[in-house]
Amino acid sequence: MSIITLTTDFGEGSPYVAAMKGVILSLNPAATVVDITHAVPAQNIRYAAVVLEDVCDRFPGGTVHVVVVDPGVGTDRALVYAHIGRQSYLAPDNGLLSRLARRTPPAKLVRLTESDYWLRPVSATFHGRDILAPVAAHLSLGLNPDHLGSPMERLVMLDWPEVRRGAGRIEGAVLLIDSFGNLITDITAEMLPAPDKWPQLRVFCRGHLVSGLSRTYGDASPGALVALVGSSGRLELAVVEGNAAAAIQAAPGEEVRASWPIE
């Protein structure tokens, strides 16, 4: 089975998504096309990079992931094929793959320059349809990625601040805000003390204090601000039956600190 995923900032129900699917299925009618999300905030490369890190490894090895969040469409920025871990990616080289590449160095990078695998004519403003979608279809049919263009040495890497850790404390930041308004941080469960210490944790963000980690959102009363380790394995802040981002006026990049007693 050939699986191709799509991740874009086009918006749910966008005809641009349908156009890309039409191109893929015209070339490979047997392909399985899966939408990861089309609700990436417009031109938000960092948001998409985190989504890819959290989701793509859930797919079978050999899946082709097409990513179109492309503020520089039509400029001289590169379009790239990358093989990272067990997965293949097609994306603008603008930092979208930087979290994946930071975790697992790419085994192969190819700049897409071979136009034999593109649609004609190529629109200056829709490379997702005219280049990335047909290339994905050709790959799903068994095309060797070496035929797509010339090798590249490195990807564009965004600056991702490191989480700072010390005795009984950790300082990170909000990575993204999900569709529920939950604040997803770059602090992972592995960075926190053992779960038996979680009731003693104190989590701070924008002057708000949460004492202890909840197991799930429903462990507190509606309207309460809670901290928990979410499904992504990251520390997050949420308002029960509410919107944490709106409630405490937090945005991506906001500092989040956790502390706990040292024995």
Protein backbone atom coordinates (compact mmCIF):
# COMPACT_ATOMS: atom_id res chain seq x y z
CA MET A 1 0.00 0.00 0.00
CA SER A 2 1.30 3.48 -0.92
CA ILE A 3 0.53 6.06 1.77
CA ILE A 4 0.91 9.79 1.15
CA THR A 5 0.06 12.32 3.87
CA LEU A 6 -0.73 16.00 3.46
CA THR A 7 0.00 18.74 5.99
CA THR A 8 -0.80 22.33 4.99
CA ASP A 9 -1.97 25.72 6.17
CA PHE A 10 -4.65 25.85 3.46
CA GLY A 11 -7.60 25.57 5.86
CA GLU A 12 -10.16 22.81 6.28
CA GLY A 13 -12.27 22.30 3.16
CA SER A 14 -9.86 24.24 0.96
CA PRO A 15 -10.09 23.47 -2.78
CA TYR A 16 -6.27 23.67 -2.84
CA VAL A 17 -6.20 20.42 -0.85
CA ALA A 18 -8.55 18.76 -3.35
CA ALA A 19 -6.33 19.91 -6.22
CA MET A 20 -3.30 18.22 -4.67
CA LYS A 21 -5.25 15.02 -4.06
CA GLY A 22 -6.49 15.05 -7.64
CA VAL A 23 -2.94 15.26 -8.97
CA ILE A 24 -1.76 12.41 -6.74
CA LEU A 25 -4.66 10.12 -7.60
CA SER A 26 -4.43 10.86 -11.31
CA LEU A 27 -0.88 9.50 -11.27
CA ASN A 28 -1.44 6.73 -8.73
CA PRO A 29 -5.13 5.83 -8.29
CA ALA A 30 -4.14 3.14 -5.76
CA ALA A 31 -2.50 5.62 -3.38
CA THR A 32 -3.95 6.12 0.09
CA VAL A 33 -3.98 9.85 0.79
CA VAL A 34 -4.24 10.84 4.46
CA ASP A 35 -4.81 14.36 5.80
CA ILE A 36 -2.67 15.04 8.85
CA THR A 37 -4.00 18.59 9.15
CA HIS A 38 -4.82 21.58 6.98
CA ALA A 39 -5.38 23.79 10.04
CA VAL A 40 -1.77 24.88 10.56
CA PRO A 41 -2.02 28.62 11.29
CA ALA A 42 -1.26 30.53 8.11
CA GLN A 43 2.48 30.54 7.30
CA ASN A 44 3.33 29.18 10.78
CA ILE A 45 6.37 27.04 10.02
CA ARG A 46 7.14 26.34 13.67
CA TYR A 47 3.66 25.00 14.38
CA ALA A 48 3.88 22.65 11.41
CA ALA A 49 7.36 21.48 12.45
CA VAL A 50 6.03 20.40 15.84
CA VAL A 51 3.04 18.64 14.24
CA LEU A 52 5.38 16.64 12.00
CA GLU A 53 7.56 15.65 14.95
CA ASP A 54 4.54 14.47 16.94
CA VAL A 55 2.61 12.67 14.20
CA CYS A 56 4.70 11.33 11.33
CA ASP A 57 6.44 8.48 13.14
CA ARG A 58 3.00 6.98 13.83
CA PHE A 59 2.74 6.06 10.17
CA PRO A 60 4.16 2.90 8.59
CA GLY A 61 7.72 3.07 7.34
CA GLY A 62 7.96 4.27 3.76
CA THR A 63 5.10 6.75 4.04
CA VAL A 64 5.61 9.89 1.94
CA HIS A 65 4.74 13.05 3.88
CA VAL A 66 3.98 16.16 1.80
CA VAL A 67 4.17 19.43 3.73
CA VAL A 68 3.07 22.77 2.30
CA VAL A 69 3.55 25.72 4.62
CA ASP A 70 5.43 27.95 2.26
CA PRO A 71 5.64 31.72 2.80
CA GLY A 72 8.46 31.82 0.23
CA VAL A 73 6.60 30.06 -2.58
CA GLY A 74 7.92 31.19 -5.95
CA THR A 75 11.22 32.49 -4.56
CA ASP A 76 14.61 30.78 -4.77
CA ARG A 77 14.03 28.74 -1.61
CA ALA A 78 14.59 25.04 -2.29
CA LEU A 79 12.06 22.26 -2.41
CA VAL A 80 13.51 19.15 -0.85
CA TYR A 81 13.13 15.40 -0.54
CA ALA A 82 14.37 14.12 2.83
CA HIS A 83 14.55 10.60 4.19
CA ILE A 84 14.50 10.82 7.99
CA GLY A 85 14.19 7.71 10.10
CA ARG A 86 11.68 5.38 8.42
CA GLN A 87 9.81 8.15 6.62
CA SER A 88 10.14 10.27 3.47
CA TYR A 89 9.29 13.97 3.33
CA LEU A 90 8.66 16.50 0.56
CA ALA A 91 8.63 20.11 1.69
CA PRO A 92 9.98 23.60 1.17
CA ASP A 93 13.40 23.88 2.78
CA ASN A 94 12.37 26.61 5.22
CA GLY A 95 12.73 24.93 8.60
CA LEU A 96 9.67 22.69 8.41
CA LEU A 97 11.82 19.59 8.85
CA SER A 98 14.19 21.08 11.42
CA ARG A 99 12.74 19.41 14.52
CA LEU A 100 12.74 16.03 12.81
CA ALA A 101 16.30 16.52 11.56
CA ARG A 102 17.51 17.71 14.95
CA ARG A 103 16.28 14.46 16.49
CA THR A 104 17.34 12.12 13.63
CA PRO A 105 19.88 13.27 11.04
CA PRO A 106 18.54 12.77 7.49
CA ALA A 107 19.89 9.74 5.64
CA LYS A 108 19.30 11.40 2.25
CA LEU A 109 18.59 14.94 1.06
CA VAL A 110 17.77 15.81 -2.56
CA ARG A 111 16.89 19.21 -3.96
CA LEU A 112 13.97 18.88 -6.37
CA THR A 113 15.26 20.11 -9.72
CA GLU A 114 14.21 17.38 -12.20
CA SER A 115 11.11 18.83 -13.86
CA ASP A 116 10.24 15.59 -15.68
CA TYR A 117 8.26 14.64 -12.56
CA TRP A 118 6.38 17.95 -12.24
CA LEU A 119 3.18 19.20 -13.80
CA ARG A 120 3.35 21.69 -16.65
CA PRO A 121 3.00 24.60 -16.50
CA VAL A 122 4.26 25.23 -12.95
CA SER A 123 2.40 28.00 -11.15
CA ALA A 124 4.61 30.45 -9.29
CA THR A 125 2.22 30.33 -6.34
CA PHE A 126 1.18 26.66 -6.04
CA HIS A 127 4.22 24.40 -5.89
CA GLY A 128 2.30 22.03 -3.63
CA ARG A 129 0.06 21.07 -6.55
CA ASP A 130 2.49 21.37 -9.42
CA ILE A 131 5.70 19.96 -7.91
CA LEU A 132 5.28 18.29 -4.51
CA ALA A 133 2.06 16.38 -5.25
CA PRO A 134 3.23 14.79 -8.53
CA VAL A 135 6.64 13.99 -7.07
CA ALA A 136 4.94 12.27 -4.12
CA ALA A 137 2.86 10.20 -6.54
CA HIS A 138 5.93 9.16 -8.52
CA LEU A 139 7.71 8.15 -5.31
CA SER A 140 4.70 6.10 -4.25
CA LEU A 141 5.00 4.25 -7.57
CA GLY A 142 8.60 3.31 -6.80
CA LEU A 143 10.66 6.15 -8.28
CA ASN A 144 14.21 6.26 -6.90
CA PRO A 145 14.55 9.63 -5.10
CA ASP A 146 18.03 10.04 -6.59
CA HIS A 147 16.25 10.85 -9.87
CA LEU A 148 14.52 13.90 -8.38
CA GLY A 149 17.48 16.25 -8.52
CA SER A 150 20.83 16.99 -6.93
CA PRO A 151 22.07 15.94 -3.47
CA MET A 152 21.98 18.48 -0.63
CA GLU A 153 24.26 18.59 2.39
CA ARG A 154 21.98 20.17 4.98
CA LEU A 155 18.53 21.52 5.68
CA VAL A 156 17.58 24.99 6.86
CA MET A 157 17.45 24.66 10.65
CA LEU A 158 15.33 26.95 12.80
CA ASP A 159 16.59 28.04 16.20
CA TRP A 160 14.78 25.92 18.79
CA PRO A 161 15.70 27.12 22.30
CA GLU A 162 16.97 24.39 24.59
CA VAL A 163 15.09 23.49 27.74
CA ARG A 164 17.18 24.54 30.76
CA ARG A 165 17.45 22.10 33.64
CA GLY A 166 18.87 22.39 37.14
CA ALA A 167 18.45 20.81 40.54
CA GLY A 168 14.73 20.73 41.27
CA ARG A 169 13.78 23.03 38.38
CA ILE A 170 13.27 23.17 34.66
CA GLU A 171 12.62 26.10 32.32
CA GLY A 172 11.04 25.71 28.92
CA ALA A 173 8.54 27.46 26.70
CA VAL A 174 5.19 27.08 24.98
CA LEU A 175 5.78 25.35 21.63
CA LEU A 176 2.27 25.71 20.26
CA ILE A 177 -1.37 26.24 21.16
CA ASP A 178 -3.67 23.44 20.06
CA SER A 179 -7.24 23.76 18.80
CA PHE A 180 -8.58 23.60 22.37
CA GLY A 181 -6.38 26.47 23.56
CA ASN A 182 -4.09 24.13 25.51
CA LEU A 183 -0.50 25.35 25.89
CA ILE A 184 1.83 22.60 24.69
CA THR A 185 5.38 23.07 25.98
CA ASP A 186 8.80 21.75 25.01
CA ILE A 187 9.18 20.10 28.43
CA THR A 188 8.80 16.35 28.01
CA ALA A 189 7.76 13.78 30.59
CA GLU A 190 11.30 12.37 30.53
CA MET A 191 12.65 15.74 31.72
CA LEU A 192 10.38 15.81 34.76
CA PRO A 193 11.03 13.97 38.03
CA ALA A 194 9.56 10.53 38.62
CA PRO A 195 5.74 10.39 38.64
CA ASP A 196 5.66 9.94 42.43
CA LYS A 197 6.99 13.51 42.66
CA TRP A 198 4.35 14.98 40.32
CA PRO A 199 1.96 15.94 43.15
CA GLN A 200 4.74 18.20 44.46
CA LEU A 201 5.42 19.96 41.16
CA ARG A 202 4.76 23.66 40.85
CA VAL A 203 4.27 24.98 37.31
CA PHE A 204 4.45 28.71 36.53
CA CYS A 205 3.35 30.60 33.41
CA ARG A 206 2.58 34.32 33.04
CA GLY A 207 2.25 34.77 36.80
CA HIS A 208 -0.08 31.81 37.20
CA LEU A 209 0.81 28.90 39.48
CA VAL A 210 -0.44 25.33 39.17
CA SER A 211 0.35 23.00 42.06
CA GLY A 212 0.76 19.35 41.10
CA LEU A 213 0.17 17.57 37.82
CA SER A 214 -3.26 16.22 36.95
CA ARG A 215 -3.67 12.83 35.29
CA THR A 216 -6.29 14.14 32.87
CA TYR A 217 -8.35 17.25 32.13
CA GLY A 218 -11.37 16.06 34.14
CA ASP A 219 -9.46 15.76 37.40
CA ALA A 220 -10.31 19.37 38.32
CA SER A 221 -13.41 21.55 38.28
CA PRO A 222 -14.56 23.41 35.14
CA GLY A 223 -12.62 26.64 34.74
CA ALA A 224 -9.58 25.43 36.70
CA LEU A 225 -6.09 25.85 35.23
CA VAL A 226 -4.32 22.49 35.30
CA ALA A 227 -0.94 21.10 34.29
CA LEU A 228 -0.55 17.59 32.90
CA VAL A 229 1.48 15.46 30.54
CA GLY A 230 -0.60 15.28 27.38
CA SER A 231 -0.82 12.69 24.64
CA SER A 232 2.29 14.09 22.92
CA GLY A 233 4.34 13.29 26.02
CA ARG A 234 4.85 17.00 26.71
CA LEU A 235 3.92 19.11 29.70
CA GLU A 236 0.90 21.24 28.90
CA LEU A 237 -1.34 23.77 30.61
CA ALA A 238 -5.08 23.61 30.09
CA VAL A 239 -8.27 25.13 31.44
CA VAL A 240 -10.88 22.49 32.21
CA GLU A 241 -13.71 22.96 29.69
CA GLY A 242 -12.06 26.22 28.67
CA ASN A 243 -9.21 27.84 26.76
CA ALA A 244 -5.91 28.28 28.59
CA ALA A 245 -4.35 30.54 25.96
CA ALA A 246 -7.24 32.99 26.22
CA ALA A 247 -7.54 32.69 30.00
CA ILE A 248 -3.94 33.60 30.80
CA GLN A 249 -3.14 35.49 27.57
CA ALA A 250 -0.22 33.23 26.67
CA ALA A 251 1.35 32.75 23.25
CA PRO A 252 3.98 30.46 21.70
CA GLY A 253 7.38 31.27 23.13
CA GLU A 254 5.98 32.09 26.57
CA GLU A 255 8.27 30.90 29.36
CA VAL A 256 7.06 27.96 31.45
CA ARG A 257 8.86 26.90 34.64
CA ALA A 258 8.47 23.81 36.77
CA SER A 259 10.02 23.22 40.20
CA TRP A 260 9.90 20.53 42.84
CA PRO A 261 11.47 19.89 46.28
CA ILE A 262 14.94 18.38 46.45
CA GLU A 263 15.38 15.71 49.09
